[in-house]
Amino acid sequence: MSANTAFPPVPVEIPFTKGQIVQLFPVLRENSIGLVYGERWAIARIDKTEIQLDNFPENEFSIPTAKALPQKAADLLYVKTSKGVDLLDWKQKRQTAAFMDISKSIEINIETSRISDYERGAAISVFEYFDKDENDKYEFVLDDILNKKRLKEVPLPGFSNELPVYFTPSYTIYRPSWHSQWRALDNDLNQTIHPLVDLLNKDTSNAVLAVLNDNMFVSEELRHALIITYNKTARKDMLFLARWYGIPEIVPVPMAINDGERLMKSPNHNTMSPSGRWVYFAVDGGRTRKDTHYLVYLDPKLPSGFWAPFKLDFEGDVDLASWVAVPEGLVLYKNGQLSKYDLSHFDLKSAIAKSSK
């Protein structure tokens, strides 16, 4: 069954004339999306085809390469810089906290981060530094951003930044090396168990599932993950749904592509919605076709766990992709224009009824 006939979202086109957007990210404000244009951070409210910008002062924070972390409060935004984590208060229009640890080396890097406790301001990060012999070292670190101190370190011998690390609100799921099994840590950086780890460890050969940093999208709340991968056995790109509600299993998601097309491309803008129910992905058309763009709906209420991917009315390369969280919608950015797809009207019961006629 196909969702093309059940739910064909039509995008609203919104020109952005303030400059080149270099980052989009979900925020908790209604009908809004976070963005960075030039060196300015802003929250943009989308009113039909108009945009109202709530800018953050550039003299307080103006790092365009920093990455926004998921929000828990509408006026507070944690951001990961290349060396630490900062807290921006949109109500006060101030940077109210920032922390980086250079006690081991001046040359450091924060690869990726998540906030593990928003009230305490605790952050878990993949931390890179060079020891006194100039050896590259990695470790998981637990930092207190508000009180500017490191709480815990877990060394990662043999790790590299090419290895996958996935953060959920309660877990860190990672692979210490290409020849090791998957592992999970809790929010205190203690080893723990997780059903997704068990599923991934059933076959770590990468013959069926080559899970990389930017091709698995995990929802802790809905207990599923979409994996976009090259299947060596089938010799083609495939979609898989890993689910650990009911009987844990990994099932293929049927998706037909033409010869020469790929389900992954670089740079990769594929992304999961804040609710965990939608995944956007682009199909690289190769040399002869334009890129095409798809949404797949994931829902534990469906027997298969998913609704067949449907193609969006959008072609060609995109610069950025992200989400309006409330009401939920996909936003694509290309050539100075935002295309917003409202997904809040998707009615699963109606879709199933239409497809069965």
Protein backbone atom coordinates (compact mmCIF):
# COMPACT_ATOMS: atom_id res chain seq x y z
CA MET A 1 0.00 0.00 0.00
CA SER A 2 1.23 3.47 -0.81
CA ALA A 3 0.79 6.73 1.06
CA ASN A 4 1.02 8.70 -2.18
CA THR A 5 -2.75 8.51 -2.61
CA ALA A 6 -3.52 8.82 1.08
CA PHE A 7 -1.44 11.80 2.05
CA PRO A 8 0.08 14.07 -0.60
CA PRO A 9 1.47 17.06 1.35
CA VAL A 10 1.81 20.27 -0.66
CA PRO A 11 4.66 22.54 0.44
CA VAL A 12 4.35 26.21 1.30
CA GLU A 13 7.19 28.15 -0.34
CA ILE A 14 8.77 30.84 1.84
CA PRO A 15 11.58 33.04 0.50
CA PHE A 16 14.34 33.98 2.96
CA THR A 17 15.99 37.28 2.04
CA LYS A 18 18.20 37.96 5.07
CA GLY A 19 21.17 35.96 3.81
CA GLN A 20 22.36 32.40 3.38
CA ILE A 21 21.00 29.95 5.97
CA VAL A 22 23.77 27.65 7.21
CA GLN A 23 21.82 25.64 9.82
CA LEU A 24 18.22 24.67 10.59
CA PHE A 25 17.09 23.02 13.83
CA PRO A 26 13.80 22.21 15.65
CA VAL A 27 12.61 24.43 18.49
CA LEU A 28 9.68 24.16 20.90
CA ARG A 29 7.92 27.35 19.88
CA GLU A 30 4.75 26.89 17.84
CA ASN A 31 5.07 27.30 14.05
CA SER A 32 8.77 28.07 14.45
CA ILE A 33 12.17 26.76 13.44
CA GLY A 34 15.65 27.64 14.60
CA LEU A 35 18.16 28.85 12.05
CA VAL A 36 21.59 30.36 11.63
CA TYR A 37 22.18 32.86 8.83
CA GLY A 38 25.59 34.41 8.42
CA GLU A 39 26.85 34.47 12.02
CA ARG A 40 23.46 35.25 13.54
CA TRP A 41 21.34 32.72 15.45
CA ALA A 42 17.57 33.19 15.34
CA ILE A 43 14.22 31.57 15.99
CA ALA A 44 11.98 32.09 12.98
CA ARG A 45 8.20 32.08 13.36
CA ILE A 46 6.53 31.03 10.12
CA ASP A 47 3.18 32.77 9.57
CA LYS A 48 1.80 31.42 6.29
CA THR A 49 4.43 32.71 3.84
CA GLU A 50 5.95 35.33 6.15
CA ILE A 51 8.85 34.92 8.57
CA GLN A 52 9.34 36.82 11.83
CA LEU A 53 12.85 36.56 13.29
CA ASP A 54 13.68 36.57 16.99
CA ASN A 55 17.43 37.17 16.73
CA PHE A 56 20.01 36.32 19.36
CA PRO A 57 22.56 39.15 19.85
CA GLU A 58 25.72 38.54 17.85
CA ASN A 59 27.85 40.11 20.58
CA GLU A 60 26.61 37.35 22.94
CA PHE A 61 27.03 34.39 20.57
CA SER A 62 27.97 34.23 16.90
CA ILE A 63 29.52 30.86 16.04
CA PRO A 64 27.86 29.58 12.84
CA THR A 65 29.63 26.20 13.04
CA ALA A 66 28.18 25.41 16.49
CA LYS A 67 25.38 22.83 16.54
CA ALA A 68 22.04 23.25 18.30
CA LEU A 69 21.10 20.48 20.75
CA PRO A 70 17.47 19.39 21.36
CA GLN A 71 15.44 21.74 23.56
CA LYS A 72 13.52 21.00 26.75
CA ALA A 73 12.55 24.62 27.47
CA ALA A 74 11.39 27.02 24.77
CA ASP A 75 13.67 29.90 25.80
CA LEU A 76 16.83 27.88 26.51
CA LEU A 77 19.10 26.40 23.87
CA TYR A 78 22.23 24.37 24.51
CA VAL A 79 24.72 24.43 21.64
CA LYS A 80 27.81 22.34 20.97
CA THR A 81 30.83 24.31 19.83
CA SER A 82 34.03 22.70 18.57
CA LYS A 83 35.51 22.71 22.09
CA GLY A 84 32.63 22.77 24.56
CA VAL A 85 28.94 23.30 25.28
CA ASP A 86 27.25 26.69 25.78
CA LEU A 87 23.78 27.70 27.00
CA LEU A 88 21.86 30.49 25.26
CA ASP A 89 18.93 32.15 27.08
CA TRP A 90 16.57 33.57 24.46
CA LYS A 91 14.46 35.39 27.04
CA GLN A 92 17.39 37.25 28.57
CA LYS A 93 19.22 37.35 25.22
CA ARG A 94 22.38 36.24 26.98
CA GLN A 95 24.86 33.40 26.90
CA THR A 96 24.36 32.23 30.48
CA ALA A 97 26.79 29.30 30.67
CA ALA A 98 29.74 27.81 28.80
CA PHE A 99 32.31 25.15 29.59
CA MET A 100 35.34 23.57 27.96
CA ASP A 101 38.12 21.57 29.59
CA ILE A 102 41.69 22.13 28.37
CA SER A 103 43.35 20.49 31.40
CA LYS A 104 44.72 17.61 29.29
CA SER A 105 45.57 19.53 26.14
CA ILE A 106 45.09 22.91 24.53
CA GLU A 107 44.29 21.08 21.30
CA ILE A 108 40.86 19.56 21.98
CA ASN A 109 37.68 18.84 20.08
CA ILE A 110 34.10 17.97 21.03
CA GLU A 111 32.89 15.59 18.32
CA THR A 112 29.25 15.29 19.38
CA SER A 113 27.17 16.00 22.49
CA ARG A 114 23.81 15.66 24.16
CA ILE A 115 22.30 17.10 27.31
CA SER A 116 21.70 14.25 29.75
CA ASP A 117 20.15 16.38 32.52
CA TYR A 118 18.65 19.73 31.55
CA GLU A 119 18.03 20.92 35.11
CA ARG A 120 21.59 20.17 36.25
CA GLY A 121 23.11 21.25 32.96
CA ALA A 122 24.89 17.92 32.50
CA ALA A 123 26.25 17.05 29.06
CA ILE A 124 27.71 13.84 27.63
CA SER A 125 30.21 14.32 24.81
CA VAL A 126 32.73 12.50 22.67
CA PHE A 127 35.94 14.31 23.63
CA GLU A 128 39.14 14.31 21.55
CA TYR A 129 42.55 15.48 22.76
CA PHE A 130 46.27 14.89 22.21
CA ASP A 131 48.47 13.55 25.00
CA LYS A 132 52.01 14.75 25.76
CA ASP A 133 53.37 12.45 23.04
CA GLU A 134 50.92 13.90 20.49
CA ASN A 135 48.84 10.71 20.43
CA ASP A 136 45.21 11.24 19.48
CA LYS A 137 42.91 10.15 22.33
CA TYR A 138 39.13 9.82 22.64
CA GLU A 139 36.85 9.46 25.64
CA PHE A 140 33.26 9.91 26.68
CA VAL A 141 33.00 12.76 29.17
CA LEU A 142 30.25 13.89 31.52
CA ASP A 143 30.42 17.66 32.09
CA ASP A 144 28.60 20.05 34.42
CA ILE A 145 28.07 23.02 32.11
CA LEU A 146 26.47 25.30 34.70
CA ASN A 147 29.22 24.81 37.30
CA LYS A 148 32.06 24.49 34.77
CA LYS A 149 33.54 21.15 35.80
CA ARG A 150 34.18 17.70 34.41
CA LEU A 151 32.38 14.97 36.34
CA LYS A 152 33.51 11.73 34.67
CA GLU A 153 35.66 10.32 31.88
CA VAL A 154 35.45 6.97 30.08
CA PRO A 155 38.50 6.32 27.84
CA LEU A 156 37.90 4.96 24.33
CA PRO A 157 41.10 3.20 23.25
CA GLY A 158 41.17 2.46 19.54
CA PHE A 159 38.25 4.80 18.81
CA SER A 160 38.09 7.14 15.79
CA ASN A 161 35.66 9.84 14.74
CA GLU A 162 34.47 7.59 11.88
CA LEU A 163 32.89 5.18 14.34
CA PRO A 164 29.15 5.50 15.03
CA VAL A 165 27.80 7.09 18.22
CA TYR A 166 24.06 7.54 18.75
CA PHE A 167 22.51 9.55 21.55
CA THR A 168 19.00 9.11 22.90
CA PRO A 169 17.65 10.92 25.99
CA SER A 170 18.68 8.05 28.28
CA TYR A 171 21.39 6.14 26.41
CA THR A 172 24.60 6.39 24.44
CA ILE A 173 24.82 3.61 21.84
CA TYR A 174 28.17 3.14 20.16
CA ARG A 175 30.69 0.81 18.58
CA PRO A 176 34.20 1.10 20.11
CA SER A 177 35.87 -0.30 16.95
CA TRP A 178 34.84 -1.82 13.63
CA HIS A 179 35.73 -5.27 14.97
CA SER A 180 33.86 -4.98 18.27
CA GLN A 181 30.24 -5.37 19.25
CA TRP A 182 27.86 -2.52 19.95
CA ARG A 183 27.60 -1.22 23.51
CA ALA A 184 25.34 1.05 25.55
CA LEU A 185 25.98 3.52 28.37
CA ASP A 186 23.47 5.10 30.73
CA ASN A 187 23.44 8.79 31.68
CA ASP A 188 26.14 8.18 34.31
CA LEU A 189 28.40 6.66 31.64
CA ASN A 190 28.01 3.19 33.13
CA GLN A 191 27.77 0.13 30.87
CA THR A 192 24.19 -1.04 30.50
CA ILE A 193 21.98 -3.11 28.20
CA HIS A 194 19.65 -2.00 25.42
CA PRO A 195 17.45 -3.97 22.97
CA LEU A 196 18.78 -2.05 19.96
CA VAL A 197 22.32 -3.08 20.89
CA ASP A 198 21.18 -6.71 20.99
CA LEU A 199 19.63 -6.37 17.54
CA LEU A 200 22.72 -4.76 16.01
CA ASN A 201 25.01 -7.34 17.58
CA LYS A 202 23.26 -10.25 15.86
CA ASP A 203 25.44 -9.52 12.83
CA THR A 204 28.34 -7.06 13.07
CA SER A 205 29.85 -8.08 9.72
CA ASN A 206 28.28 -5.04 7.94
CA ALA A 207 27.17 -7.41 5.17
CA VAL A 208 23.50 -6.53 5.74
CA LEU A 209 23.58 -3.42 7.94
CA ALA A 210 26.47 -1.00 7.61
CA VAL A 211 25.47 1.39 10.41
CA LEU A 212 27.36 4.68 10.20
CA ASN A 213 27.08 7.96 12.05
CA ASP A 214 24.60 9.57 9.68
CA ASN A 215 22.42 6.67 8.53
CA MET A 216 20.53 5.41 11.59
CA PHE A 217 17.70 7.43 13.18
CA VAL A 218 16.62 6.35 16.65
CA SER A 219 13.49 7.12 18.67
CA GLU A 220 13.79 6.06 22.30
CA GLU A 221 10.16 6.95 23.01
CA LEU A 222 8.69 4.86 20.18
CA ARG A 223 11.34 2.14 20.52
CA HIS A 224 12.33 1.96 16.88
CA ALA A 225 15.08 3.06 14.51
CA LEU A 226 15.24 3.50 10.73
CA ILE A 227 18.48 2.37 9.10
CA ILE A 228 19.44 3.47 5.59
CA THR A 229 22.26 1.24 4.43
CA TYR A 230 24.07 -0.47 1.59
CA ASN A 231 23.29 -4.18 1.73
CA LYS A 232 26.30 -6.11 0.49
CA THR A 233 24.29 -9.31 0.16
CA ALA A 234 21.62 -7.70 -2.03
CA ARG A 235 24.15 -5.34 -3.65
CA LYS A 236 21.91 -2.32 -3.30
CA ASP A 237 20.82 0.38 -0.86
CA MET A 238 17.98 -0.65 1.44
CA LEU A 239 15.84 0.63 4.31
CA PHE A 240 15.43 -1.36 7.52
CA LEU A 241 13.26 -0.80 10.55
CA ALA A 242 14.72 -1.95 13.87
CA ARG A 243 12.00 -2.20 16.50
CA TRP A 244 12.05 -3.35 20.11
CA TYR A 245 8.38 -3.06 21.01
CA GLY A 246 6.81 -6.50 21.06
CA ILE A 247 9.31 -9.01 19.69
CA PRO A 248 12.58 -7.18 18.91
CA GLU A 249 13.45 -7.54 15.23
CA ILE A 250 14.90 -5.83 12.17
CA VAL A 251 12.63 -5.83 9.11
CA PRO A 252 13.19 -4.47 5.56
CA VAL A 253 11.18 -1.46 4.39
CA PRO A 254 10.44 -1.93 0.65
CA MET A 255 11.79 0.91 -1.47
CA ALA A 256 12.37 0.74 -5.22
CA ILE A 257 15.13 2.86 -6.75
CA ASN A 258 16.48 3.11 -10.28
CA ASP A 259 19.87 1.87 -11.44
CA GLY A 260 22.56 4.36 -10.49
CA GLU A 261 20.51 5.94 -7.69
CA ARG A 262 21.55 5.84 -4.02
CA LEU A 263 19.55 6.20 -0.83
CA MET A 264 22.45 8.09 0.73
CA LYS A 265 24.45 11.03 -0.50
CA SER A 266 27.05 13.48 0.74
CA PRO A 267 26.45 15.80 2.44
CA ASN A 268 23.71 13.82 4.13
CA HIS A 269 20.68 15.84 5.25
CA ASN A 270 18.49 12.84 6.16
CA THR A 271 16.76 13.40 9.49
CA MET A 272 14.15 12.05 11.94
CA SER A 273 11.34 14.25 13.20
CA PRO A 274 11.21 15.28 16.89
CA SER A 275 8.26 12.92 17.44
CA GLY A 276 10.19 9.96 16.01
CA ARG A 277 7.32 9.21 13.62
CA TRP A 278 8.80 10.59 10.40
CA VAL A 279 12.11 10.20 8.61
CA TYR A 280 13.03 12.38 5.66
CA PHE A 281 15.61 11.08 3.20
CA ALA A 282 16.92 12.05 -0.21
CA VAL A 283 17.65 9.75 -3.13
CA ASP A 284 20.80 10.70 -5.03
CA GLY A 285 19.90 10.62 -8.70
CA GLY A 286 23.48 10.12 -9.83
CA ARG A 287 24.65 11.56 -13.13
CA THR A 288 21.44 11.24 -15.11
CA ARG A 289 18.59 12.13 -12.74
CA LYS A 290 17.72 14.86 -10.28
CA ASP A 291 17.66 14.03 -6.59
CA THR A 292 14.26 12.99 -5.29
CA HIS A 293 12.96 13.31 -1.74
CA TYR A 294 10.88 11.00 0.45
CA LEU A 295 9.14 10.68 3.79
CA VAL A 296 8.51 7.43 5.60
CA TYR A 297 6.01 7.23 8.46
CA LEU A 298 6.86 4.99 11.41
CA ASP A 299 4.24 3.87 13.90
CA PRO A 300 4.18 0.94 16.37
CA LYS A 301 0.42 0.75 15.81
CA LEU A 302 0.96 -0.49 12.25
CA PRO A 303 1.46 -4.25 11.85
CA SER A 304 4.58 -3.64 9.77
CA GLY A 305 5.69 -0.70 11.92
CA PHE A 306 5.87 1.62 8.90
CA TRP A 307 3.86 3.23 6.13
CA ALA A 308 5.38 2.89 2.67
CA PRO A 309 7.72 5.79 1.74
CA PHE A 310 6.11 8.44 -0.41
CA LYS A 311 7.76 10.89 -2.76
CA LEU A 312 7.60 14.61 -2.11
CA ASP A 313 6.86 17.18 -4.79
CA PHE A 314 10.45 18.41 -4.73
CA GLU A 315 13.45 17.68 -6.95
CA GLY A 316 17.13 18.51 -6.98
CA ASP A 317 19.78 19.01 -4.35
CA VAL A 318 18.87 20.60 -1.01
CA ASP A 319 21.09 22.70 1.21
CA LEU A 320 19.44 21.86 4.55
CA ALA A 321 16.55 19.88 6.06
CA SER A 322 14.92 20.09 9.50
CA TRP A 323 11.60 20.25 11.33
CA VAL A 324 8.95 22.48 12.77
CA ALA A 325 8.12 20.63 15.99
CA VAL A 326 4.68 22.15 16.77
CA PRO A 327 2.66 21.45 14.67
CA GLU A 328 5.01 18.94 13.09
CA GLY A 329 6.31 19.68 9.63
CA LEU A 330 9.32 19.14 7.40
CA VAL A 331 11.33 22.13 6.16
CA LEU A 332 13.70 21.94 3.17
CA TYR A 333 16.00 24.81 2.20
CA LYS A 334 17.30 25.40 -1.30
CA ASN A 335 18.34 28.48 -3.31
CA GLY A 336 17.29 30.96 -0.63
CA GLN A 337 13.83 29.46 -0.18
CA LEU A 338 12.23 27.35 2.54
CA SER A 339 9.71 24.67 1.58
CA LYS A 340 7.47 23.70 4.51
CA TYR A 341 5.43 20.48 4.50
CA ASP A 342 2.71 20.39 7.15
CA LEU A 343 2.50 16.81 8.46
CA SER A 344 0.17 17.50 11.36
CA HIS A 345 -2.95 16.52 9.38
CA PHE A 346 -1.81 12.98 8.67
CA ASP A 347 -4.59 10.66 9.86
CA LEU A 348 -3.46 7.05 9.98
CA LYS A 349 -7.00 5.62 10.15
CA SER A 350 -8.07 7.66 7.13
CA ALA A 351 -4.95 6.67 5.22
CA ILE A 352 -5.56 2.98 5.88
CA ALA A 353 -9.22 3.31 4.85
CA LYS A 354 -8.28 5.05 1.57
CA SER A 355 -5.63 2.49 0.68
CA SER A 356 -8.03 -0.42 1.26
CA LYS A 357 -10.65 0.86 -1.20
